[in-house]
Structures are given as structure tokens and as C-alpha cells.
C-alpha atoms as a PDB file:
ATOM      1  CA  UNK A   1     -27.374  76.759   2.181  1.00  0.00           C
ATOM      2  CA  UNK A   2     -24.134  75.239   3.281  1.00  0.00           C
ATOM      3  CA  UNK A   3     -25.847  73.700   6.249  1.00  0.00           C
ATOM      4  CA  UNK A   4     -28.419  72.130   3.913  1.00  0.00           C
ATOM      5  CA  UNK A   5     -25.647  70.623   1.789  1.00  0.00           C
ATOM      6  CA  UNK A   6     -23.896  69.364   4.916  1.00  0.00           C
ATOM      7  CA  UNK A   7     -27.194  67.919   6.172  1.00  0.00           C
ATOM      8  CA  UNK A   8     -27.739  66.244   2.788  1.00  0.00           C
ATOM      9  CA  UNK A   9     -24.224  64.804   2.839  1.00  0.00           C
ATOM     10  CA  UNK A  10     -24.679  63.529   6.384  1.00  0.00           C
ATOM     11  CA  UNK A  11     -28.069  62.097   5.467  1.00  0.00           C
ATOM     12  CA  UNK A  12     -26.566  60.309   2.444  1.00  0.00           C
ATOM     13  CA  UNK A  13     -23.698  59.011   4.601  1.00  0.00           C
ATOM     14  CA  UNK A  14     -26.188  57.720   7.191  1.00  0.00           C
ATOM     15  CA  UNK A  15     -28.201  56.032   4.440  1.00  0.00           C
ATOM     16  CA  UNK A  16     -25.020  54.500   2.998  1.00  0.00           C
ATOM     17  CA  UNK A  17     -24.038  53.224   6.455  1.00  0.00           C
ATOM     18  CA  UNK A  18     -27.512  51.657   6.867  1.00  0.00           C
ATOM     19  CA  UNK A  19     -27.277  50.080   3.410  1.00  0.00           C
ATOM     20  CA  UNK A  20     -23.843  48.647   4.225  1.00  0.00           C
ATOM     21  CA  UNK A  21     -25.061  47.374   7.605  1.00  0.00           C
ATOM     22  CA  UNK A  22     -28.131  45.751   6.010  1.00  0.00           C
ATOM     23  CA  UNK A  23     -25.985  44.208   3.261  1.00  0.00           C
ATOM     24  CA  UNK A  24     -23.571  42.775   5.827  1.00  0.00           C
ATOM     25  CA  UNK A  25     -26.457  41.414   7.888  1.00  0.00           C
ATOM     26  CA  UNK A  26     -28.039  39.874   4.772  1.00  0.00           C
ATOM     27  CA  UNK A  27     -24.659  38.395   3.747  1.00  0.00           C
ATOM     28  CA  UNK A  28     -24.196  36.809   7.195  1.00  0.00           C
ATOM     29  CA  UNK A  29     -27.719  35.350   7.043  1.00  0.00           C
ATOM     30  CA  UNK A  30     -27.124  34.008   3.515  1.00  0.00           C
ATOM     31  CA  UNK A  31     -23.808  32.427   4.521  1.00  0.00           C
ATOM     32  CA  UNK A  32     -25.422  30.938   7.631  1.00  0.00           C
ATOM     33  CA  UNK A  33     -28.292  29.480   5.608  1.00  0.00           C
ATOM     34  CA  UNK A  34     -25.876  28.070   3.025  1.00  0.00           C
ATOM     35  CA  UNK A  35     -23.814  26.543   5.822  1.00  0.00           C
ATOM     36  CA  UNK A  36     -26.919  24.954   7.338  1.00  0.00           C
ATOM     37  CA  UNK A  37     -27.992  23.547   3.956  1.00  0.00           C
ATOM     38  CA  UNK A  38     -24.494  22.197   3.289  1.00  0.00           C
ATOM     39  CA  UNK A  39     -24.380  20.599   6.751  1.00  0.00           C
ATOM     40  CA  UNK A  40     -27.753  18.934   6.096  1.00  0.00           C
ATOM     41  CA  UNK A  41     -26.589  17.641   2.691  1.00  0.00           C
ATOM     42  CA  UNK A  42     -23.381  16.282   4.216  1.00  0.00           C
ATOM     43  CA  UNK A  43     -25.257  14.656   7.095  1.00  0.00           C
ATOM     44  CA  UNK A  44     -27.648  13.018   4.638  1.00  0.00           C
ATOM     45  CA  UNK A  45     -24.734  11.742   2.518  1.00  0.00           C
ATOM     46  CA  UNK A  46     -22.956  10.399   5.607  1.00  0.00           C
ATOM     47  CA  UNK A  47     -26.129   8.629   6.740  1.00  0.00           C
ATOM     48  CA  UNK A  48     -26.572   7.151   3.277  1.00  0.00           C
ATOM     49  CA  UNK A  49     -22.997   5.853   3.192  1.00  0.00           C
ATOM     50  CA  UNK A  50     -23.334   4.551   6.762  1.00  0.00           C
ATOM     51  CA  UNK A  51     -26.504   2.633   5.865  1.00  0.00           C
ATOM     52  CA  UNK A  52     -24.843   1.217   2.737  1.00  0.00           C
ATOM     53  CA  UNK A  53     -21.896   0.161   4.908  1.00  0.00           C
ATOM     54  CA  UNK A  54     -24.222  -1.513   7.387  1.00  0.00           C
ATOM     55  CA  UNK A  55     -25.888  -3.373   4.519  1.00  0.00           C
ATOM     56  CA  UNK A  56     -22.480  -4.493   3.215  1.00  0.00           C
ATOM     57  CA  UNK A  57     -21.469  -5.685   6.680  1.00  0.00           C
ATOM     58  CA  UNK A  58     -24.756  -7.564   7.079  1.00  0.00           C
ATOM     59  CA  UNK A  59     -24.276  -9.215   3.673  1.00  0.00           C
ATOM     60  CA  UNK A  60     -20.700 -10.171   4.549  1.00  0.00           C
ATOM     61  CA  UNK A  61     -21.826 -11.589   7.900  1.00  0.00           C
ATOM     62  CA  UNK A  62     -24.536 -13.624   6.182  1.00  0.00           C
ATOM     63  CA  UNK A  63     -22.022 -14.937   3.651  1.00  0.00           C
ATOM     64  CA  UNK A  64     -19.633 -15.819   6.468  1.00  0.00           C
ATOM     65  CA  UNK A  65     -22.434 -17.551   8.373  1.00  0.00           C
ATOM     66  CA  UNK A  66     -23.332 -19.517   5.256  1.00  0.00           C
ATOM     67  CA  UNK A  67     -19.717 -20.582   4.683  1.00  0.00           C
ATOM     68  CA  UNK A  68     -19.377 -21.537   8.340  1.00  0.00           C
ATOM     69  CA  UNK A  69     -22.512 -23.698   8.159  1.00  0.00           C
ATOM     70  CA  UNK A  70     -21.181 -25.399   5.021  1.00  0.00           C
ATOM     71  CA  UNK A  71     -17.833 -25.950   6.718  1.00  0.00           C
ATOM     72  CA  UNK A  72     -19.486 -27.416   9.817  1.00  0.00           C
ATOM     73  CA  UNK A  73     -21.659 -29.736   7.714  1.00  0.00           C
ATOM     74  CA  UNK A  74     -18.631 -30.926   5.749  1.00  0.00           C
ATOM     75  CA  UNK A  75     -16.601 -31.367   8.944  1.00  0.00           C
ATOM     76  CA  UNK A  76     -19.396 -33.439  10.507  1.00  0.00           C
ATOM     77  CA  UNK A  77     -19.673 -35.531   7.349  1.00  0.00           C
ATOM     78  CA  UNK A  78     -15.939 -36.170   7.312  1.00  0.00           C
ATOM     79  CA  UNK A  79     -15.869 -37.011  11.010  1.00  0.00           C
ATOM     80  CA  UNK A  80     -18.724 -39.455  10.588  1.00  0.00           C
ATOM     81  CA  UNK A  81     -17.041 -41.054   7.589  1.00  0.00           C
ATOM     82  CA  UNK A  82     -13.731 -41.315   9.416  1.00  0.00           C
ATOM     83  CA  UNK A  83     -15.364 -43.035  12.368  1.00  0.00           C
ATOM     84  CA  UNK A  84     -16.845 -45.817  10.275  1.00  0.00           C
ATOM     85  CA  UNK A  85     -14.224 -48.336   9.224  1.00  0.00           C
ATOM     86  CA  UNK A  86     -15.084 -51.393   7.183  1.00  0.00           C
ATOM     87  CA  UNK A  87     -14.721 -54.511   9.370  1.00  0.00           C
ATOM     88  CA  UNK A  88     -12.744 -56.319   6.658  1.00  0.00           C
ATOM     89  CA  UNK A  89     -10.155 -53.501   6.726  1.00  0.00           C
ATOM     90  CA  UNK A  90      -9.909 -53.880  10.505  1.00  0.00           C
ATOM     91  CA  UNK A  91      -9.461 -57.669  10.157  1.00  0.00           C
ATOM     92  CA  UNK A  92      -6.651 -57.257   7.633  1.00  0.00           C
ATOM     93  CA  UNK A  93      -4.925 -54.588   9.783  1.00  0.00           C
ATOM     94  CA  UNK A  94      -5.218 -56.768  12.884  1.00  0.00           C
ATOM     95  CA  UNK A  95      -3.835 -59.753  10.915  1.00  0.00           C
ATOM     96  CA  UNK A  96      -0.821 -57.763   9.769  1.00  0.00           C
ATOM     97  CA  UNK A  97      -0.151 -56.528  13.283  1.00  0.00           C
ATOM     98  CA  UNK A  98      -0.310 -60.097  14.607  1.00  0.00           C
ATOM     99  CA  UNK A  99       2.019 -61.314  11.839  1.00  0.00           C
ATOM    100  CA  UNK A 100       4.582 -58.621  12.618  1.00  0.00           C
ATOM    101  CA  UNK A 101       4.450 -59.233  16.318  1.00  0.00           C
ATOM    102  CA  UNK A 102       4.893 -62.974  15.749  1.00  0.00           C
ATOM    103  CA  UNK A 103       7.789 -62.425  13.338  1.00  0.00           C
ATOM    104  CA  UNK A 104       9.504 -60.121  15.861  1.00  0.00           C
ATOM    105  CA  UNK A 105       9.112 -62.753  18.575  1.00  0.00           C
ATOM    106  CA  UNK A 106      10.824 -65.374  16.321  1.00  0.00           C
ATOM    107  CA  UNK A 107      13.676 -63.012  15.516  1.00  0.00           C
ATOM    108  CA  UNK A 108      14.272 -62.238  19.171  1.00  0.00           C
ATOM    109  CA  UNK A 109      14.076 -65.897  20.297  1.00  0.00           C
END
């Protein structure tokens, strides 16, 4: 009878060891699956933020391009305006220059 009790105890211990081993295996699998799901969620969030960042950069580049075009148009307009001088203004400026040069010549003579 003692041997039967010992056999029962050993059998229960073996079963307990199998249960513990199965529980540990199941726990490792569960943790691994949770890790994989978390990694996928994080990767998706990173991709989403990256795409939003790319969209922001593209919008900023477009805004910069637009401002640059406006600047270039205004610069061209100002350059064209600056290059056209009214002939009457040139005549008056030339007359003043001639008067000054003539008055300097009289002072020096």
C-alpha cells in the first residue's frame, strides 16, 4: 500500500510539473504575442506620424515656394521700375550737374 501511495504522490508531482511546464510555455507564448502586437501598433503609429510629418514638410515647402515666387515677382517689378527713369527727371539732374560743374570752374578760376 505504501508503494501505491508513493506512486500516487509521484504521479501527482509529475502531473504538477507538466502543468507548470505547460503554464510557463503558455505564458511565454502569450508574452511573445503581446510583444508582437505592441510592436505592430508602435510601427503603425510611427508610420502615421512619419506620414503626417512628410505632409507638413510638403506643405511648408509649398508655402516657401509660393513666398519665393511672390518675392521674385516683386523683385522683378521693382527692378523694372527702377530701370525706367522719366526723361524730365534726367534732364533736371543733368542740368544741376552742369550748373555745379560750371560754378566750380568759376570758383577755381
